[in-house]
Amino acid sequence: QRWSLPLMPTAQAAAILLKLLRDSGKHFSYVARRGAFQQ
């Protein structure tokens, strides 16, 4: 814990940014014909 503590601000920032990014997601349903899809 002592060795890790000074590194935690980076973990905190990364977690916040990833949460904001994931929460921005827009969902769409598709079908990959014979296992392939292109858009």
ModelCIF file with pLDDT and N, C-alpha, C, O atoms, coordinates in Angstrom:
data_MODEL
#
_entry.id   MODEL 
#
_entity.id                         1 
_entity.type                       polymer 
_entity.pdbx_number_of_molecules   1 
#
_entity_poly.entity_id                      1 
_entity_poly.type                           'polypeptide(L)' 
_entity_poly.nstd_linkage                   no 
_entity_poly.nstd_monomer                   no 
_entity_poly.pdbx_seq_one_letter_code       QRWSLPLMPTAQAAAILLKLLRDSGKHFSYVARRGAFQQ 
_entity_poly.pdbx_seq_one_letter_code_can   QRWSLPLMPTAQAAAILLKLLRDSGKHFSYVARRGAFQQ 
_entity_poly.pdbx_strand_id                 A 
#
loop_
_entity_poly_seq.entity_id 
_entity_poly_seq.num 
_entity_poly_seq.mon_id 
_entity_poly_seq.hetero 
1 1  GLN n 
1 2  ARG n 
1 3  TRP n 
1 4  SER n 
1 5  LEU n 
1 6  PRO n 
1 7  LEU n 
1 8  MET n 
1 9  PRO n 
1 10 THR n 
1 11 ALA n 
1 12 GLN n 
1 13 ALA n 
1 14 ALA n 
1 15 ALA n 
1 16 ILE n 
1 17 LEU n 
1 18 LEU n 
1 19 LYS n 
1 20 LEU n 
1 21 LEU n 
1 22 ARG n 
1 23 ASP n 
1 24 SER n 
1 25 GLY n 
1 26 LYS n 
1 27 HIS n 
1 28 PHE n 
1 29 SER n 
1 30 TYR n 
1 31 VAL n 
1 32 ALA n 
1 33 ARG n 
1 34 ARG n 
1 35 GLY n 
1 36 ALA n 
1 37 PHE n 
1 38 GLN n 
1 39 GLN n 
#
_struct_asym.id          A 
_struct_asym.entity_id   1 
#
loop_
_ma_qa_metric.id 
_ma_qa_metric.mode 
_ma_qa_metric.name 
_ma_qa_metric.software_group_id 
_ma_qa_metric.type 
1 global pLDDT . pLDDT 
2 local  pLDDT . pLDDT 
#
_ma_qa_metric_global.metric_id      1 
_ma_qa_metric_global.metric_value   95.49 
_ma_qa_metric_global.model_id       1 
_ma_qa_metric_global.ordinal_id     1 
#
loop_
_ma_qa_metric_local.label_asym_id 
_ma_qa_metric_local.label_comp_id 
_ma_qa_metric_local.label_seq_id 
_ma_qa_metric_local.metric_id 
_ma_qa_metric_local.metric_value 
_ma_qa_metric_local.model_id 
_ma_qa_metric_local.ordinal_id 
A GLN 1  2 97.00 1 1  
A ARG 2  2 97.00 1 2  
A TRP 3  2 97.00 1 3  
A SER 4  2 96.00 1 4  
A LEU 5  2 95.00 1 5  
A PRO 6  2 93.00 1 6  
A LEU 7  2 93.00 1 7  
A MET 8  2 94.00 1 8  
A PRO 9  2 94.00 1 9  
A THR 10 2 94.00 1 10 
A ALA 11 2 95.00 1 11 
A GLN 12 2 96.00 1 12 
A ALA 13 2 96.00 1 13 
A ALA 14 2 96.00 1 14 
A ALA 15 2 96.00 1 15 
A ILE 16 2 97.00 1 16 
A LEU 17 2 97.00 1 17 
A LEU 18 2 97.00 1 18 
A LYS 19 2 96.00 1 19 
A LEU 20 2 96.00 1 20 
A LEU 21 2 96.00 1 21 
A ARG 22 2 96.00 1 22 
A ASP 23 2 94.00 1 23 
A SER 24 2 93.00 1 24 
A GLY 25 2 94.00 1 25 
A LYS 26 2 94.00 1 26 
A HIS 27 2 95.00 1 27 
A PHE 28 2 96.00 1 28 
A SER 29 2 97.00 1 29 
A TYR 30 2 97.00 1 30 
A VAL 31 2 97.00 1 31 
A ALA 32 2 97.00 1 32 
A ARG 33 2 96.00 1 33 
A ARG 34 2 94.00 1 34 
A GLY 35 2 95.00 1 35 
A ALA 36 2 96.00 1 36 
A PHE 37 2 97.00 1 37 
A GLN 38 2 95.00 1 38 
A GLN 39 2 93.00 1 39 
#
loop_
_atom_site.group_PDB 
_atom_site.id 
_atom_site.type_symbol 
_atom_site.label_atom_id 
_atom_site.label_alt_id 
_atom_site.label_comp_id 
_atom_site.label_asym_id 
_atom_site.label_entity_id 
_atom_site.label_seq_id 
_atom_site.pdbx_PDB_ins_code 
_atom_site.Cartn_x 
_atom_site.Cartn_y 
_atom_site.Cartn_z 
_atom_site.occupancy 
_atom_site.B_iso_or_equiv 
_atom_site.pdbx_formal_charge 
_atom_site.auth_seq_id 
_atom_site.auth_comp_id 
_atom_site.auth_asym_id 
_atom_site.auth_atom_id 
_atom_site.pdbx_PDB_model_num 
ATOM 1   N N  . GLN A 1 1  ? 0.829   -1.209  0.000   1.00 97.00 ? 1  GLN A N  1 
ATOM 2   C CA . GLN A 1 1  ? 0.000   0.000   0.000   1.00 97.00 ? 1  GLN A CA 1 
ATOM 3   C C  . GLN A 1 1  ? 0.862   1.258   0.000   1.00 97.00 ? 1  GLN A C  1 
ATOM 4   O O  . GLN A 1 1  ? 0.535   2.241   -0.664  1.00 97.00 ? 1  GLN A O  1 
ATOM 5   N N  . ARG A 1 2  ? 1.955   1.224   0.740   1.00 97.00 ? 2  ARG A N  1 
ATOM 6   C CA . ARG A 1 2  ? 2.856   2.379   0.801   1.00 97.00 ? 2  ARG A CA 1 
ATOM 7   C C  . ARG A 1 2  ? 3.503   2.628   -0.561  1.00 97.00 ? 2  ARG A C  1 
ATOM 8   O O  . ARG A 1 2  ? 3.640   3.777   -0.982  1.00 97.00 ? 2  ARG A O  1 
ATOM 9   N N  . TRP A 1 3  ? 3.896   1.569   -1.244  1.00 97.00 ? 3  TRP A N  1 
ATOM 10  C CA . TRP A 1 3  ? 4.508   1.728   -2.563  1.00 97.00 ? 3  TRP A CA 1 
ATOM 11  C C  . TRP A 1 3  ? 3.479   2.154   -3.617  1.00 97.00 ? 3  TRP A C  1 
ATOM 12  O O  . TRP A 1 3  ? 3.820   2.852   -4.572  1.00 97.00 ? 3  TRP A O  1 
ATOM 13  N N  . SER A 1 4  ? 2.227   1.735   -3.442  1.00 96.00 ? 4  SER A N  1 
ATOM 14  C CA . SER A 1 4  ? 1.194   1.998   -4.442  1.00 96.00 ? 4  SER A CA 1 
ATOM 15  C C  . SER A 1 4  ? 0.542   3.361   -4.288  1.00 96.00 ? 4  SER A C  1 
ATOM 16  O O  . SER A 1 4  ? 0.111   3.953   -5.277  1.00 96.00 ? 4  SER A O  1 
ATOM 17  N N  . LEU A 1 5  ? 0.462   3.867   -3.073  1.00 95.00 ? 5  LEU A N  1 
ATOM 18  C CA . LEU A 1 5  ? -0.309  5.077   -2.795  1.00 95.00 ? 5  LEU A CA 1 
ATOM 19  C C  . LEU A 1 5  ? 0.061   6.262   -3.687  1.00 95.00 ? 5  LEU A C  1 
ATOM 20  O O  . LEU A 1 5  ? -0.843  6.927   -4.193  1.00 95.00 ? 5  LEU A O  1 
ATOM 21  N N  . PRO A 1 6  ? 1.345   6.558   -3.906  1.00 93.00 ? 6  PRO A N  1 
ATOM 22  C CA . PRO A 1 6  ? 1.677   7.715   -4.756  1.00 93.00 ? 6  PRO A CA 1 
ATOM 23  C C  . PRO A 1 6  ? 1.245   7.558   -6.217  1.00 93.00 ? 6  PRO A C  1 
ATOM 24  O O  . PRO A 1 6  ? 1.240   8.533   -6.968  1.00 93.00 ? 6  PRO A O  1 
ATOM 25  N N  . LEU A 1 7  ? 0.881   6.332   -6.624  1.00 93.00 ? 7  LEU A N  1 
ATOM 26  C CA . LEU A 1 7  ? 0.470   6.095   -8.006  1.00 93.00 ? 7  LEU A CA 1 
ATOM 27  C C  . LEU A 1 7  ? -1.032  6.229   -8.199  1.00 93.00 ? 7  LEU A C  1 
ATOM 28  O O  . LEU A 1 7  ? -1.513  6.252   -9.332  1.00 93.00 ? 7  LEU A O  1 
ATOM 29  N N  . MET A 1 8  ? -1.781  6.318   -7.097  1.00 94.00 ? 8  MET A N  1 
ATOM 30  C CA . MET A 1 8  ? -3.235  6.272   -7.168  1.00 94.00 ? 8  MET A CA 1 
ATOM 31  C C  . MET A 1 8  ? -3.894  7.445   -7.888  1.00 94.00 ? 8  MET A C  1 
ATOM 32  O O  . MET A 1 8  ? -4.960  7.246   -8.472  1.00 94.00 ? 8  MET A O  1 
ATOM 33  N N  . PRO A 1 9  ? -3.328  8.663   -7.887  1.00 94.00 ? 9  PRO A N  1 
ATOM 34  C CA . PRO A 1 9  ? -3.987  9.733   -8.658  1.00 94.00 ? 9  PRO A CA 1 
ATOM 35  C C  . PRO A 1 9  ? -4.183  9.390   -10.128 1.00 94.00 ? 9  PRO A C  1 
ATOM 36  O O  . PRO A 1 9  ? -5.178  9.794   -10.730 1.00 94.00 ? 9  PRO A O  1 
ATOM 37  N N  . THR A 1 10 ? -3.248  8.652   -10.707 1.00 94.00 ? 10 THR A N  1 
ATOM 38  C CA . THR A 1 10 ? -3.397  8.243   -12.103 1.00 94.00 ? 10 THR A CA 1 
ATOM 39  C C  . THR A 1 10 ? -4.540  7.257   -12.250 1.00 94.00 ? 10 THR A C  1 
ATOM 40  O O  . THR A 1 10 ? -5.299  7.324   -13.217 1.00 94.00 ? 10 THR A O  1 
ATOM 41  N N  . ALA A 1 11 ? -4.669  6.341   -11.297 1.00 95.00 ? 11 ALA A N  1 
ATOM 42  C CA . ALA A 1 11 ? -5.777  5.385   -11.323 1.00 95.00 ? 11 ALA A CA 1 
ATOM 43  C C  . ALA A 1 11 ? -7.112  6.103   -11.205 1.00 95.00 ? 11 ALA A C  1 
ATOM 44  O O  . ALA A 1 11 ? -8.070  5.769   -11.902 1.00 95.00 ? 11 ALA A O  1 
ATOM 45  N N  . GLN A 1 12 ? -7.169  7.085   -10.322 1.00 96.00 ? 12 GLN A N  1 
ATOM 46  C CA . GLN A 1 12 ? -8.392  7.850   -10.101 1.00 96.00 ? 12 GLN A CA 1 
ATOM 47  C C  . GLN A 1 12 ? -8.803  8.606   -11.368 1.00 96.00 ? 12 GLN A C  1 
ATOM 48  O O  . GLN A 1 12 ? -9.974  8.590   -11.748 1.00 96.00 ? 12 GLN A O  1 
ATOM 49  N N  . ALA A 1 13 ? -7.853  9.257   -12.013 1.00 96.00 ? 13 ALA A N  1 
ATOM 50  C CA . ALA A 1 13 ? -8.148  10.011  -13.233 1.00 96.00 ? 13 ALA A CA 1 
ATOM 51  C C  . ALA A 1 13 ? -8.598  9.085   -14.353 1.00 96.00 ? 13 ALA A C  1 
ATOM 52  O O  . ALA A 1 13 ? -9.559  9.386   -15.061 1.00 96.00 ? 13 ALA A O  1 
ATOM 53  N N  . ALA A 1 14 ? -7.910  7.962   -14.517 1.00 96.00 ? 14 ALA A N  1 
ATOM 54  C CA . ALA A 1 14 ? -8.272  7.013   -15.572 1.00 96.00 ? 14 ALA A CA 1 
ATOM 55  C C  . ALA A 1 14 ? -9.677  6.467   -15.358 1.00 96.00 ? 14 ALA A C  1 
ATOM 56  O O  . ALA A 1 14 ? -10.440 6.323   -16.313 1.00 96.00 ? 14 ALA A O  1 
ATOM 57  N N  . ALA A 1 15 ? -10.023 6.161   -14.104 1.00 96.00 ? 15 ALA A N  1 
ATOM 58  C CA . ALA A 1 15 ? -11.348 5.615   -13.800 1.00 96.00 ? 15 ALA A CA 1 
ATOM 59  C C  . ALA A 1 15 ? -12.449 6.613   -14.137 1.00 96.00 ? 15 ALA A C  1 
ATOM 60  O O  . ALA A 1 15 ? -13.481 6.233   -14.691 1.00 96.00 ? 15 ALA A O  1 
ATOM 61  N N  . ILE A 1 16 ? -12.240 7.883   -13.807 1.00 97.00 ? 16 ILE A N  1 
ATOM 62  C CA . ILE A 1 16 ? -13.249 8.910   -14.090 1.00 97.00 ? 16 ILE A CA 1 
ATOM 63  C C  . ILE A 1 16 ? -13.437 9.078   -15.600 1.00 97.00 ? 16 ILE A C  1 
ATOM 64  O O  . ILE A 1 16 ? -14.568 9.137   -16.082 1.00 97.00 ? 16 ILE A O  1 
ATOM 65  N N  . LEU A 1 17 ? -12.343 9.154   -16.335 1.00 97.00 ? 17 LEU A N  1 
ATOM 66  C CA . LEU A 1 17 ? -12.436 9.363   -17.777 1.00 97.00 ? 17 LEU A CA 1 
ATOM 67  C C  . LEU A 1 17 ? -13.096 8.173   -18.473 1.00 97.00 ? 17 LEU A C  1 
ATOM 68  O O  . LEU A 1 17 ? -13.895 8.360   -19.391 1.00 97.00 ? 17 LEU A O  1 
ATOM 69  N N  . LEU A 1 18 ? -12.771 6.955   -18.046 1.00 97.00 ? 18 LEU A N  1 
ATOM 70  C CA . LEU A 1 18 ? -13.385 5.786   -18.659 1.00 97.00 ? 18 LEU A CA 1 
ATOM 71  C C  . LEU A 1 18 ? -14.876 5.709   -18.336 1.00 97.00 ? 18 LEU A C  1 
ATOM 72  O O  . LEU A 1 18 ? -15.673 5.300   -19.180 1.00 97.00 ? 18 LEU A O  1 
ATOM 73  N N  . LYS A 1 19 ? -15.253 6.095   -17.130 1.00 96.00 ? 19 LYS A N  1 
ATOM 74  C CA . LYS A 1 19 ? -16.674 6.095   -16.771 1.00 96.00 ? 19 LYS A CA 1 
ATOM 75  C C  . LYS A 1 19 ? -17.447 7.093   -17.635 1.00 96.00 ? 19 LYS A C  1 
ATOM 76  O O  . LYS A 1 19 ? -18.515 6.776   -18.158 1.00 96.00 ? 19 LYS A O  1 
ATOM 77  N N  . LEU A 1 20 ? -16.899 8.295   -17.779 1.00 96.00 ? 20 LEU A N  1 
ATOM 78  C CA . LEU A 1 20 ? -17.554 9.289   -18.620 1.00 96.00 ? 20 LEU A CA 1 
ATOM 79  C C  . LEU A 1 20 ? -17.651 8.810   -20.070 1.00 96.00 ? 20 LEU A C  1 
ATOM 80  O O  . LEU A 1 20 ? -18.663 9.022   -20.739 1.00 96.00 ? 20 LEU A O  1 
ATOM 81  N N  . LEU A 1 21 ? -16.596 8.170   -20.538 1.00 96.00 ? 21 LEU A N  1 
ATOM 82  C CA . LEU A 1 21 ? -16.586 7.676   -21.913 1.00 96.00 ? 21 LEU A CA 1 
ATOM 83  C C  . LEU A 1 21 ? -17.629 6.579   -22.103 1.00 96.00 ? 21 LEU A C  1 
ATOM 84  O O  . LEU A 1 21 ? -18.384 6.600   -23.074 1.00 96.00 ? 21 LEU A O  1 
ATOM 85  N N  . ARG A 1 22 ? -17.671 5.624   -21.181 1.00 96.00 ? 22 ARG A N  1 
ATOM 86  C CA . ARG A 1 22 ? -18.632 4.523   -21.302 1.00 96.00 ? 22 ARG A CA 1 
ATOM 87  C C  . ARG A 1 22 ? -20.070 5.021   -21.176 1.00 96.00 ? 22 ARG A C  1 
ATOM 88  O O  . ARG A 1 22 ? -20.964 4.532   -21.866 1.00 96.00 ? 22 ARG A O  1 
ATOM 89  N N  . ASP A 1 23 ? -20.286 5.981   -20.304 1.00 94.00 ? 23 ASP A N  1 
ATOM 90  C CA . ASP A 1 23 ? -21.638 6.516   -20.114 1.00 94.00 ? 23 ASP A CA 1 
ATOM 91  C C  . ASP A 1 23 ? -22.139 7.261   -21.345 1.00 94.00 ? 23 ASP A C  1 
ATOM 92  O O  . ASP A 1 23 ? -23.341 7.474   -21.497 1.00 94.00 ? 23 ASP A O  1 
ATOM 93  N N  . SER A 1 24 ? -21.221 7.657   -22.224 1.00 93.00 ? 24 SER A N  1 
ATOM 94  C CA . SER A 1 24 ? -21.619 8.387   -23.433 1.00 93.00 ? 24 SER A CA 1 
ATOM 95  C C  . SER A 1 24 ? -22.076 7.456   -24.544 1.00 93.00 ? 24 SER A C  1 
ATOM 96  O O  . SER A 1 24 ? -22.480 7.917   -25.612 1.00 93.00 ? 24 SER A O  1 
ATOM 97  N N  . GLY A 1 25 ? -22.016 6.151   -24.305 1.00 94.00 ? 25 GLY A N  1 
ATOM 98  C CA . GLY A 1 25 ? -22.258 5.173   -25.361 1.00 94.00 ? 25 GLY A CA 1 
ATOM 99  C C  . GLY A 1 25 ? -23.641 5.231   -25.980 1.00 94.00 ? 25 GLY A C  1 
ATOM 100 O O  . GLY A 1 25 ? -24.637 5.418   -25.283 1.00 94.00 ? 25 GLY A O  1 
ATOM 101 N N  . LYS A 1 26 ? -23.696 5.068   -27.295 1.00 94.00 ? 26 LYS A N  1 
ATOM 102 C CA . LYS A 1 26 ? -24.946 4.954   -28.047 1.00 94.00 ? 26 LYS A CA 1 
ATOM 103 C C  . LYS A 1 26 ? -25.015 3.541   -28.626 1.00 94.00 ? 26 LYS A C  1 
ATOM 104 O O  . LYS A 1 26 ? -24.067 3.073   -29.256 1.00 94.00 ? 26 LYS A O  1 
ATOM 105 N N  . HIS A 1 27 ? -26.154 2.865   -28.406 1.00 95.00 ? 27 HIS A N  1 
ATOM 106 C CA . HIS A 1 27 ? -26.278 1.451   -28.726 1.00 95.00 ? 27 HIS A CA 1 
ATOM 107 C C  . HIS A 1 27 ? -27.092 1.228   -30.005 1.00 95.00 ? 27 HIS A C  1 
ATOM 108 O O  . HIS A 1 27 ? -28.099 1.894   -30.249 1.00 95.00 ? 27 HIS A O  1 
ATOM 109 N N  . PHE A 1 28 ? -26.627 0.275   -30.807 1.00 96.00 ? 28 PHE A N  1 
ATOM 110 C CA . PHE A 1 28 ? -27.316 -0.090  -32.044 1.00 96.00 ? 28 PHE A CA 1 
ATOM 111 C C  . PHE A 1 28 ? -27.278 -1.613  -32.189 1.00 96.00 ? 28 PHE A C  1 
ATOM 112 O O  . PHE A 1 28 ? -26.288 -2.256  -31.840 1.00 96.00 ? 28 PHE A O  1 
ATOM 113 N N  . SER A 1 29 ? -28.371 -2.179  -32.708 1.00 97.00 ? 29 SER A N  1 
ATOM 114 C CA . SER A 1 29 ? -28.454 -3.629  -32.907 1.00 97.00 ? 29 SER A CA 1 
ATOM 115 C C  . SER A 1 29 ? -28.237 -3.957  -34.378 1.00 97.00 ? 29 SER A C  1 
ATOM 116 O O  . SER A 1 29 ? -28.807 -3.320  -35.263 1.00 97.00 ? 29 SER A O  1 
ATOM 117 N N  . TYR A 1 30 ? -27.400 -4.966  -34.624 1.00 97.00 ? 30 TYR A N  1 
ATOM 118 C CA . TYR A 1 30 ? -27.094 -5.366  -35.984 1.00 97.00 ? 30 TYR A CA 1 
ATOM 119 C C  . TYR A 1 30 ? -27.021 -6.885  -36.088 1.00 97.00 ? 30 TYR A C  1 
ATOM 120 O O  . TYR A 1 30 ? -27.070 -7.594  -35.083 1.00 97.00 ? 30 TYR A O  1 
ATOM 121 N N  . VAL A 1 31 ? -26.904 -7.367  -37.315 1.00 97.00 ? 31 VAL A N  1 
ATOM 122 C CA . VAL A 1 31 ? -26.674 -8.787  -37.573 1.00 97.00 ? 31 VAL A CA 1 
ATOM 123 C C  . VAL A 1 31 ? -25.466 -8.904  -38.494 1.00 97.00 ? 31 VAL A C  1 
ATOM 124 O O  . VAL A 1 31 ? -25.409 -8.274  -39.550 1.00 97.00 ? 31 VAL A O  1 
ATOM 125 N N  . ALA A 1 32 ? -24.505 -9.716  -38.078 1.00 97.00 ? 32 ALA A N  1 
ATOM 126 C CA . ALA A 1 32 ? -23.332 -9.981  -38.918 1.00 97.00 ? 32 ALA A CA 1 
ATOM 127 C C  . ALA A 1 32 ? -23.644 -11.201 -39.783 1.00 97.00 ? 32 ALA A C  1 
ATOM 128 O O  . ALA A 1 32 ? -23.669 -12.325 -39.282 1.00 97.00 ? 32 ALA A O  1 
ATOM 129 N N  . ARG A 1 33 ? -23.876 -10.991 -41.049 1.00 96.00 ? 33 ARG A N  1 
ATOM 130 C CA . ARG A 1 33 ? -24.225 -12.074 -41.952 1.00 96.00 ? 33 ARG A CA 1 
ATOM 131 C C  . ARG A 1 33 ? -23.010 -12.971 -42.197 1.00 96.00 ? 33 ARG A C  1 
ATOM 132 O O  . ARG A 1 33 ? -21.961 -12.525 -42.663 1.00 96.00 ? 33 ARG A O  1 
ATOM 133 N N  . ARG A 1 34 ? -23.191 -14.237 -41.867 1.00 94.00 ? 34 ARG A N  1 
ATOM 134 C CA . ARG A 1 34 ? -22.118 -15.229 -41.999 1.00 94.00 ? 34 ARG A CA 1 
ATOM 135 C C  . ARG A 1 34 ? -20.852 -14.748 -41.287 1.00 94.00 ? 34 ARG A C  1 
ATOM 136 O O  . ARG A 1 34 ? -19.731 -14.962 -41.747 1.00 94.00 ? 34 ARG A O  1 
ATOM 137 N N  . GLY A 1 35 ? -21.073 -14.100 -40.161 1.00 95.00 ? 35 GLY A N  1 
ATOM 138 C CA . GLY A 1 35 ? -19.960 -13.725 -39.287 1.00 95.00 ? 35 GLY A CA 1 
ATOM 139 C C  . GLY A 1 35 ? -19.223 -12.470 -39.678 1.00 95.00 ? 35 GLY A C  1 
ATOM 140 O O  . GLY A 1 35 ? -18.172 -12.183 -39.103 1.00 95.00 ? 35 GLY A O  1 
ATOM 141 N N  . ALA A 1 36 ? -19.733 -11.699 -40.643 1.00 96.00 ? 36 ALA A N  1 
ATOM 142 C CA . ALA A 1 36 ? -19.023 -10.498 -41.089 1.00 96.00 ? 36 ALA A CA 1 
ATOM 143 C C  . ALA A 1 36 ? -19.949 -9.285  -41.064 1.00 96.00 ? 36 ALA A C  1 
ATOM 144 O O  . ALA A 1 36 ? -21.138 -9.384  -41.364 1.00 96.00 ? 36 ALA A O  1 
ATOM 145 N N  . PHE A 1 37 ? -19.372 -8.134  -40.698 1.00 97.00 ? 37 PHE A N  1 
ATOM 146 C CA . PHE A 1 37 ? -20.138 -6.887  -40.651 1.00 97.00 ? 37 PHE A CA 1 
ATOM 147 C C  . PHE A 1 37 ? -19.230 -5.743  -41.057 1.00 97.00 ? 37 PHE A C  1 
ATOM 148 O O  . PHE A 1 37 ? -18.070 -5.673  -40.650 1.00 97.00 ? 37 PHE A O  1 
ATOM 149 N N  . GLN A 1 38 ? -19.781 -4.842  -41.873 1.00 95.00 ? 38 GLN A N  1 
ATOM 150 C CA . GLN A 1 38 ? -19.036 -3.656  -42.289 1.00 95.00 ? 38 GLN A CA 1 
ATOM 151 C C  . GLN A 1 38 ? -19.951 -2.452  -42.270 1.00 95.00 ? 38 GLN A C  1 
ATOM 152 O O  . GLN A 1 38 ? -21.120 -2.536  -42.646 1.00 95.00 ? 38 GLN A O  1 
ATOM 153 N N  . GLN A 1 39 ? -19.405 -1.325  -41.825 1.00 93.00 ? 39 GLN A N  1 
ATOM 154 C CA . GLN A 1 39 ? -20.164 -0.082  -41.787 1.00 93.00 ? 39 GLN A CA 1 
ATOM 155 C C  . GLN A 1 39 ? -19.233 1.072   -42.121 1.00 93.00 ? 39 GLN A C  1 
ATOM 156 O O  . GLN A 1 39 ? -19.664 2.225   -42.147 1.00 93.00 ? 39 GLN A O  1 
#
